[in-house]
PDB file of all heavy atoms in Angstrom:
ATOM      1  N   SER A   1     255.132  12.822 175.412  1.00  0.00           N
ATOM      2  CA  SER A   1     255.589  13.527 174.204  1.00  0.00           C
ATOM      3  C   SER A   1     254.355  13.880 173.415  1.00  0.00           C
ATOM      4  O   SER A   1     253.525  13.051 173.202  1.00  0.00           O
ATOM      5  CB  SER A   1     256.524  12.660 173.400  1.00  0.00           C
ATOM      6  OG  SER A   1     255.849  11.465 173.002  1.00  0.00           O
ATOM      7  N   ALA A   2     254.277  15.137 173.024  1.00  0.00           N
ATOM      8  CA  ALA A   2     253.115  15.579 172.267  1.00  0.00           C
ATOM      9  C   ALA A   2     253.567  16.147 170.959  1.00  0.00           C
ATOM     10  O   ALA A   2     254.644  16.749 170.879  1.00  0.00           O
ATOM     11  CB  ALA A   2     252.354  16.653 173.082  1.00  0.00           C
ATOM     12  N   PRO A   3     252.832  15.919 169.911  1.00  0.00           N
ATOM     13  CA  PRO A   3     253.184  16.525 168.648  1.00  0.00           C
ATOM     14  C   PRO A   3     253.052  18.049 168.754  1.00  0.00           C
ATOM     15  O   PRO A   3     252.212  18.571 169.520  1.00  0.00           O
ATOM     16  CB  PRO A   3     252.123  15.975 167.677  1.00  0.00           C
ATOM     17  CG  PRO A   3     250.977  15.594 168.537  1.00  0.00           C
ATOM     18  CD  PRO A   3     251.547  15.208 169.862  1.00  0.00           C
ATOM     19  N   PRO A   4     253.895  18.770 168.049  1.00  0.00           N
ATOM     20  CA  PRO A   4     253.784  20.237 168.130  1.00  0.00           C
ATOM     21  C   PRO A   4     252.497  20.741 167.547  1.00  0.00           C
ATOM     22  O   PRO A   4     251.951  20.117 166.617  1.00  0.00           O
ATOM     23  CB  PRO A   4     254.973  20.695 167.307  1.00  0.00           C
ATOM     24  CG  PRO A   4     255.299  19.562 166.381  1.00  0.00           C
ATOM     25  CD  PRO A   4     254.909  18.326 167.131  1.00  0.00           C
ATOM     26  N   LEU A   5     251.959  21.771 168.076  1.00  0.00           N
ATOM     27  CA  LEU A   5     250.767  22.380 167.500  1.00  0.00           C
ATOM     28  C   LEU A   5     251.184  23.135 166.264  1.00  0.00           C
ATOM     29  O   LEU A   5     252.225  23.811 166.248  1.00  0.00           O
ATOM     30  CB  LEU A   5     250.129  23.324 168.540  1.00  0.00           C
ATOM     31  CG  LEU A   5     249.586  22.658 169.784  1.00  0.00           C
ATOM     32  CD1 LEU A   5     248.989  23.715 170.696  1.00  0.00           C
ATOM     33  CD2 LEU A   5     248.541  21.628 169.427  1.00  0.00           C
ATOM     34  N   VAL A   6     250.380  23.024 165.248  1.00  0.00           N
ATOM     35  CA  VAL A   6     250.712  23.705 164.001  1.00  0.00           C
ATOM     36  C   VAL A   6     249.529  24.545 163.580  1.00  0.00           C
ATOM     37  O   VAL A   6     248.405  24.319 163.941  1.00  0.00           O
ATOM     38  CB  VAL A   6     251.024  22.674 162.850  1.00  0.00           C
ATOM     39  CG1 VAL A   6     252.281  21.863 163.208  1.00  0.00           C
ATOM     40  CG2 VAL A   6     249.868  21.767 162.609  1.00  0.00           C
ATOM     41  N   ALA A   7     249.823  25.564 162.794  1.00  0.00           N
ATOM     42  CA  ALA A   7     248.791  26.437 162.262  1.00  0.00           C
ATOM     43  C   ALA A   7     247.963  25.629 161.225  1.00  0.00           C
ATOM     44  O   ALA A   7     248.487  24.784 160.501  1.00  0.00           O
ATOM     45  CB  ALA A   7     249.413  27.653 161.567  1.00  0.00           C
ATOM     46  N   LEU A   8     246.675  25.916 161.196  1.00  0.00           N
ATOM     47  CA  LEU A   8     245.802  25.252 160.251  1.00  0.00           C
ATOM     48  C   LEU A   8     245.154  26.324 159.334  1.00  0.00           C
ATOM     49  O   LEU A   8     244.009  26.660 159.476  1.00  0.00           O
ATOM     50  CB  LEU A   8     244.687  24.491 160.997  1.00  0.00           C
ATOM     51  CG  LEU A   8     245.182  23.386 161.927  1.00  0.00           C
ATOM     52  CD1 LEU A   8     244.035  22.821 162.746  1.00  0.00           C
ATOM     53  CD2 LEU A   8     245.838  22.278 161.098  1.00  0.00           C
ATOM     54  N   PRO A   9     245.950  26.837 158.396  1.00  0.00           N
ATOM     55  CA  PRO A   9     245.415  27.929 157.562  1.00  0.00           C
ATOM     56  C   PRO A   9     244.374  27.397 156.584  1.00  0.00           C
ATOM     57  O   PRO A   9     244.358  26.230 156.180  1.00  0.00           O
ATOM     58  CB  PRO A   9     246.650  28.419 156.818  1.00  0.00           C
ATOM     59  CG  PRO A   9     247.554  27.232 156.794  1.00  0.00           C
ATOM     60  CD  PRO A   9     247.299  26.476 158.061  1.00  0.00           C
ATOM     61  N   LEU A  10     243.483  28.294 156.181  1.00  0.00           N
ATOM     62  CA  LEU A  10     242.496  27.967 155.145  1.00  0.00           C
ATOM     63  C   LEU A  10     243.044  28.217 153.792  1.00  0.00           C
ATOM     64  O   LEU A  10     243.772  29.184 153.584  1.00  0.00           O
ATOM     65  CB  LEU A  10     241.235  28.854 155.363  1.00  0.00           C
ATOM     66  CG  LEU A  10     240.225  28.389 156.354  1.00  0.00           C
ATOM     67  CD1 LEU A  10     239.099  29.375 156.432  1.00  0.00           C
ATOM     68  CD2 LEU A  10     239.653  27.021 155.940  1.00  0.00           C
ATOM     69  N   ARG A  11     242.677  27.387 152.856  1.00  0.00           N
ATOM     70  CA  ARG A  11     243.018  27.649 151.491  1.00  0.00           C
ATOM     71  C   ARG A  11     242.009  28.616 150.892  1.00  0.00           C
ATOM     72  O   ARG A  11     240.864  28.691 151.344  1.00  0.00           O
ATOM     73  CB  ARG A  11     242.992  26.347 150.684  1.00  0.00           C
ATOM     74  CG  ARG A  11     244.060  25.383 151.133  1.00  0.00           C
ATOM     75  CD  ARG A  11     244.098  24.148 150.236  1.00  0.00           C
ATOM     76  NE  ARG A  11     244.915  23.164 150.888  1.00  0.00           N
ATOM     77  CZ  ARG A  11     244.507  21.961 151.296  1.00  0.00           C
ATOM     78  NH1 ARG A  11     243.253  21.624 151.173  1.00  0.00           N
ATOM     79  NH2 ARG A  11     245.331  21.115 151.881  1.00  0.00           N
ATOM     80  N   ALA A  12     242.380  29.344 149.894  1.00  0.00           N
ATOM     81  CA  ALA A  12     241.517  30.303 149.274  1.00  0.00           C
ATOM     82  C   ALA A  12     240.224  29.634 148.797  1.00  0.00           C
ATOM     83  O   ALA A  12     240.280  28.537 148.238  1.00  0.00           O
ATOM     84  CB  ALA A  12     242.226  30.961 148.061  1.00  0.00           C
ATOM     85  N   GLY A  13     239.140  30.278 149.058  1.00  0.00           N
ATOM     86  CA  GLY A  13     237.856  29.770 148.592  1.00  0.00           C
ATOM     87  C   GLY A  13     237.128  28.867 149.560  1.00  0.00           C
ATOM     88  O   GLY A  13     235.977  28.477 149.371  1.00  0.00           O
ATOM     89  N   HIS A  14     237.784  28.473 150.682  1.00  0.00           N
ATOM     90  CA  HIS A  14     237.115  27.604 151.658  1.00  0.00           C
ATOM     91  C   HIS A  14     236.433  28.424 152.716  1.00  0.00           C
ATOM     92  O   HIS A  14     236.843  29.535 153.034  1.00  0.00           O
ATOM     93  CB  HIS A  14     238.139  26.645 152.288  1.00  0.00           C
ATOM     94  CG  HIS A  14     238.586  25.560 151.364  1.00  0.00           C
ATOM     95  ND1 HIS A  14     237.798  24.485 151.036  1.00  0.00           N
ATOM     96  CD2 HIS A  14     239.709  25.400 150.680  1.00  0.00           C
ATOM     97  CE1 HIS A  14     238.427  23.726 150.198  1.00  0.00           C
ATOM     98  NE2 HIS A  14     239.618  24.254 149.979  1.00  0.00           N
ATOM     99  N   THR A  15     235.402  27.858 153.303  1.00  0.00           N
ATOM    100  CA  THR A  15     234.683  28.570 154.361  1.00  0.00           C
ATOM    101  C   THR A  15     235.302  28.356 155.724  1.00  0.00           C
ATOM    102  O   THR A  15     236.159  27.478 155.907  1.00  0.00           O
ATOM    103  CB  THR A  15     233.236  27.998 154.447  1.00  0.00           C
ATOM    104  OG1 THR A  15     233.299  26.675 154.890  1.00  0.00           O
ATOM    105  CG2 THR A  15     232.545  28.095 153.082  1.00  0.00           C
ATOM    106  N   GLY A  16     234.896  29.142 156.680  1.00  0.00           N
ATOM    107  CA  GLY A  16     235.383  29.023 158.049  1.00  0.00           C
ATOM    108  C   GLY A  16     235.024  27.696 158.651  1.00  0.00           C
ATOM    109  O   GLY A  16     235.689  27.186 159.568  1.00  0.00           O
ATOM    110  N   MET A  17     233.932  27.059 158.189  1.00  0.00           N
ATOM    111  CA  MET A  17     233.533  25.764 158.730  1.00  0.00           C
ATOM    112  C   MET A  17     234.597  24.719 158.549  1.00  0.00           C
ATOM    113  O   MET A  17     234.851  23.894 159.426  1.00  0.00           O
ATOM    114  CB  MET A  17     232.229  25.335 158.100  1.00  0.00           C
ATOM    115  CG  MET A  17     231.630  24.142 158.787  1.00  0.00           C
ATOM    116  SD  MET A  17     231.384  24.525 160.520  1.00  0.00           S
ATOM    117  CE  MET A  17     229.909  23.670 160.862  1.00  0.00           C
ATOM    118  N   LEU A  18     235.298  24.744 157.405  1.00  0.00           N
ATOM    119  CA  LEU A  18     236.373  23.771 157.189  1.00  0.00           C
ATOM    120  C   LEU A  18     237.480  23.979 158.189  1.00  0.00           C
ATOM    121  O   LEU A  18     237.999  23.020 158.721  1.00  0.00           O
ATOM    122  CB  LEU A  18     236.919  23.939 155.741  1.00  0.00           C
ATOM    123  CG  LEU A  18     238.141  23.068 155.428  1.00  0.00           C
ATOM    124  CD1 LEU A  18     237.762  21.600 155.514  1.00  0.00           C
ATOM    125  CD2 LEU A  18     238.695  23.412 154.064  1.00  0.00           C
ATOM    126  N   TRP A  19     237.776  25.237 158.505  1.00  0.00           N
ATOM    127  CA  TRP A  19     238.820  25.521 159.500  1.00  0.00           C
ATOM    128  C   TRP A  19     238.427  24.936 160.841  1.00  0.00           C
ATOM    129  O   TRP A  19     239.253  24.280 161.531  1.00  0.00           O
ATOM    130  CB  TRP A  19     239.058  27.018 159.585  1.00  0.00           C
ATOM    131  CG  TRP A  19     240.171  27.374 160.539  1.00  0.00           C
ATOM    132  CD1 TRP A  19     241.490  27.442 160.278  1.00  0.00           C
ATOM    133  CD2 TRP A  19     239.995  27.778 161.914  1.00  0.00           C
ATOM    134  NE1 TRP A  19     242.199  27.805 161.411  1.00  0.00           N
ATOM    135  CE2 TRP A  19     241.304  28.046 162.454  1.00  0.00           C
ATOM    136  CE3 TRP A  19     238.896  27.923 162.741  1.00  0.00           C
ATOM    137  CZ2 TRP A  19     241.488  28.420 163.708  1.00  0.00           C
ATOM    138  CZ3 TRP A  19     239.118  28.325 164.047  1.00  0.00           C
ATOM    139  CH2 TRP A  19     240.432  28.564 164.517  1.00  0.00           C
ATOM    140  N   PHE A  20     237.184  25.140 161.271  1.00  0.00           N
ATOM    141  CA  PHE A  20     236.725  24.603 162.555  1.00  0.00           C
ATOM    142  C   PHE A  20     236.791  23.077 162.565  1.00  0.00           C
ATOM    143  O   PHE A  20     237.149  22.470 163.544  1.00  0.00           O
ATOM    144  CB  PHE A  20     235.337  25.083 162.901  1.00  0.00           C
ATOM    145  CG  PHE A  20     235.330  26.497 163.390  1.00  0.00           C
ATOM    146  CD1 PHE A  20     234.826  27.537 162.592  1.00  0.00           C
ATOM    147  CD2 PHE A  20     235.807  26.830 164.620  1.00  0.00           C
ATOM    148  CE1 PHE A  20     234.829  28.832 163.028  1.00  0.00           C
ATOM    149  CE2 PHE A  20     235.821  28.131 165.109  1.00  0.00           C
ATOM    150  CZ  PHE A  20     235.325  29.155 164.310  1.00  0.00           C
ATOM    151  N   GLU A  21     236.398  22.483 161.439  1.00  0.00           N
ATOM    152  CA  GLU A  21     236.464  20.997 161.359  1.00  0.00           C
ATOM    153  C   GLU A  21     237.885  20.519 161.471  1.00  0.00           C
ATOM    154  O   GLU A  21     238.173  19.517 162.165  1.00  0.00           O
ATOM    155  CB  GLU A  21     235.833  20.554 160.054  1.00  0.00           C
ATOM    156  CG  GLU A  21     234.340  20.727 160.002  1.00  0.00           C
ATOM    157  CD  GLU A  21     233.747  20.456 158.608  1.00  0.00           C
ATOM    158  OE1 GLU A  21     234.523  20.130 157.676  1.00  0.00           O
ATOM    159  OE2 GLU A  21     232.545  20.601 158.482  1.00  0.00           O
ATOM    160  N   ARG A  22     238.826  21.194 160.836  1.00  0.00           N
ATOM    161  CA  ARG A  22     240.233  20.807 160.909  1.00  0.00           C
ATOM    162  C   ARG A  22     240.759  20.986 162.333  1.00  0.00           C
ATOM    163  O   ARG A  22     241.541  20.162 162.841  1.00  0.00           O
ATOM    164  CB  ARG A  22     241.065  21.607 159.912  1.00  0.00           C
ATOM    165  CG  ARG A  22     240.783  21.187 158.475  1.00  0.00           C
ATOM    166  CD  ARG A  22     241.545  22.027 157.488  1.00  0.00           C
ATOM    167  NE  ARG A  22     242.977  21.731 157.616  1.00  0.00           N
ATOM    168  CZ  ARG A  22     243.921  22.540 157.154  1.00  0.00           C
ATOM    169  NH1 ARG A  22     243.602  23.669 156.554  1.00  0.00           N
ATOM    170  NH2 ARG A  22     245.184  22.235 157.274  1.00  0.00           N
ATOM    171  N   CYS A  23     240.370  22.081 162.983  1.00  0.00           N
ATOM    172  CA  CYS A  23     240.827  22.308 164.362  1.00  0.00           C
ATOM    173  C   CYS A  23     240.232  21.252 165.282  1.00  0.00           C
ATOM    174  O   CYS A  23     240.949  20.753 166.151  1.00  0.00           O
ATOM    175  CB  CYS A  23     240.390  23.699 164.833  1.00  0.00           C
ATOM    176  SG  CYS A  23     241.327  25.036 164.077  1.00  0.00           S
ATOM    177  N   ALA A  24     238.955  20.938 165.104  1.00  0.00           N
ATOM    178  CA  ALA A  24     238.337  19.921 165.940  1.00  0.00           C
ATOM    179  C   ALA A  24     239.034  18.575 165.782  1.00  0.00           C
ATOM    180  O   ALA A  24     239.283  17.820 166.736  1.00  0.00           O
ATOM    181  CB  ALA A  24     236.859  19.809 165.630  1.00  0.00           C
ATOM    182  N   SER A  25     239.359  18.228 164.547  1.00  0.00           N
ATOM    183  CA  SER A  25     240.093  16.996 164.280  1.00  0.00           C
ATOM    184  C   SER A  25     241.430  16.953 164.907  1.00  0.00           C
ATOM    185  O   SER A  25     241.857  15.957 165.532  1.00  0.00           O
ATOM    186  CB  SER A  25     240.173  16.782 162.780  1.00  0.00           C
ATOM    187  OG  SER A  25     240.918  15.621 162.471  1.00  0.00           O
ATOM    188  N   ALA A  26     242.200  18.065 164.796  1.00  0.00           N
ATOM    189  CA  ALA A  26     243.516  18.141 165.412  1.00  0.00           C
ATOM    190  C   ALA A  26     243.426  18.054 166.921  1.00  0.00           C
ATOM    191  O   ALA A  26     244.240  17.406 167.566  1.00  0.00           O
ATOM    192  CB  ALA A  26     244.202  19.462 164.966  1.00  0.00           C
ATOM    193  N   LEU A  27     242.446  18.728 167.502  1.00  0.00           N
ATOM    194  CA  LEU A  27     242.260  18.675 168.973  1.00  0.00           C
ATOM    195  C   LEU A  27     241.886  17.284 169.419  1.00  0.00           C
ATOM    196  O   LEU A  27     242.411  16.800 170.439  1.00  0.00           O
ATOM    197  CB  LEU A  27     241.206  19.679 169.399  1.00  0.00           C
ATOM    198  CG  LEU A  27     240.958  19.744 170.907  1.00  0.00           C
ATOM    199  CD1 LEU A  27     242.264  20.105 171.635  1.00  0.00           C
ATOM    200  CD2 LEU A  27     239.876  20.815 171.208  1.00  0.00           C
ATOM    201  N   GLU A  28     241.028  16.609 168.695  1.00  0.00           N
ATOM    202  CA  GLU A  28     240.656  15.265 169.056  1.00  0.00           C
ATOM    203  C   GLU A  28     241.834  14.323 169.004  1.00  0.00           C
ATOM    204  O   GLU A  28     242.037  13.462 169.845  1.00  0.00           O
ATOM    205  CB  GLU A  28     239.572  14.715 168.108  1.00  0.00           C
ATOM    206  CG  GLU A  28     239.061  13.366 168.454  1.00  0.00           C
ATOM    207  CD  GLU A  28     238.447  13.247 169.862  1.00  0.00           C
ATOM    208  OE1 GLU A  28     237.827  14.214 170.314  1.00  0.00           O
ATOM    209  OE2 GLU A  28     238.630  12.222 170.500  1.00  0.00           O
ATOM    210  N   SER A  29     242.672  14.477 168.007  1.00  0.00           N
ATOM    211  CA  SER A  29     243.921  13.676 167.894  1.00  0.00           C
ATOM    212  C   SER A  29     244.864  13.922 169.069  1.00  0.00           C
ATOM    213  O   SER A  29     245.327  12.986 169.686  1.00  0.00           O
ATOM    214  CB  SER A  29     244.619  14.000 166.547  1.00  0.00           C
ATOM    215  OG  SER A  29     245.855  13.346 166.516  1.00  0.00           O
ATOM    216  N   LEU A  30     245.011  15.215 169.383  1.00  0.00           N
ATOM    217  CA  LEU A  30     245.882  15.546 170.539  1.00  0.00           C
ATOM    218  C   LEU A  30     245.289  15.044 171.829  1.00  0.00           C
ATOM    219  O   LEU A  30     245.996  14.459 172.671  1.00  0.00           O
ATOM    220  CB  LEU A  30     246.077  17.057 170.587  1.00  0.00           C
ATOM    221  CG  LEU A  30     246.982  17.614 171.712  1.00  0.00           C
ATOM    222  CD1 LEU A  30     248.354  17.053 171.581  1.00  0.00           C
ATOM    223  CD2 LEU A  30     246.955  19.099 171.718  1.00  0.00           C
ATOM    224  N   ALA A  31     243.992  15.211 172.000  1.00  0.00           N
ATOM    225  CA  ALA A  31     243.322  14.758 173.228  1.00  0.00           C
ATOM    226  C   ALA A  31     243.437  13.231 173.405  1.00  0.00           C
ATOM    227  O   ALA A  31     243.553  12.756 174.516  1.00  0.00           O
ATOM    228  CB  ALA A  31     241.859  15.196 173.199  1.00  0.00           C
ATOM    229  N   SER A  32     243.388  12.512 172.332  1.00  0.00           N
ATOM    230  CA  SER A  32     243.416  11.051 172.435  1.00  0.00           C
ATOM    231  C   SER A  32     244.833  10.588 172.868  1.00  0.00           C
ATOM    232  O   SER A  32     244.989   9.516 173.424  1.00  0.00           O
ATOM    233  CB  SER A  32     243.029  10.389 171.123  1.00  0.00           C
ATOM    234  OG  SER A  32     244.012  10.628 170.122  1.00  0.00           O
ATOM    235  N   GLU A  33     245.812  11.410 172.640  1.00  0.00           N
ATOM    236  CA  GLU A  33     247.176  11.045 173.010  1.00  0.00           C
ATOM    237  C   GLU A  33     247.598  11.526 174.397  1.00  0.00           C
ATOM    238  O   GLU A  33     248.531  11.034 174.968  1.00  0.00           O
ATOM    239  CB  GLU A  33     248.184  11.608 171.947  1.00  0.00           C
ATOM    240  CG  GLU A  33     247.989  11.008 170.613  1.00  0.00           C
ATOM    241  CD  GLU A  33     248.852  11.655 169.586  1.00  0.00           C
ATOM    242  OE1 GLU A  33     249.842  12.291 169.965  1.00  0.00           O
ATOM    243  OE2 GLU A  33     248.570  11.530 168.359  1.00  0.00           O
ATOM    244  N   ARG A  34     246.947  12.550 174.876  1.00  0.00           N
ATOM    245  CA  ARG A  34     247.338  13.158 176.155  1.00  0.00           C
ATOM    246  C   ARG A  34     246.183  13.154 177.118  1.00  0.00           C
ATOM    247  O   ARG A  34     245.243  13.910 176.964  1.00  0.00           O
ATOM    248  CB  ARG A  34     247.767  14.616 175.922  1.00  0.00           C
ATOM    249  CG  ARG A  34     249.006  14.702 175.052  1.00  0.00           C
ATOM    250  CD  ARG A  34     249.603  16.040 175.095  1.00  0.00           C
ATOM    251  NE  ARG A  34     250.108  16.298 176.435  1.00  0.00           N
ATOM    252  CZ  ARG A  34     250.578  17.435 176.845  1.00  0.00           C
ATOM    253  NH1 ARG A  34     250.635  18.432 176.057  1.00  0.00           N
ATOM    254  NH2 ARG A  34     250.986  17.587 178.088  1.00  0.00           N
TER     255      ARG A  34
END
């Protein structure tokens, strides 16, 4: 069972780096479970 993938939108004023960090964190979490 895997958690559903969800969109990781950026809040106004944040840089693209934050988005990549959030994606990397979500991927690491998913990878540790599967």
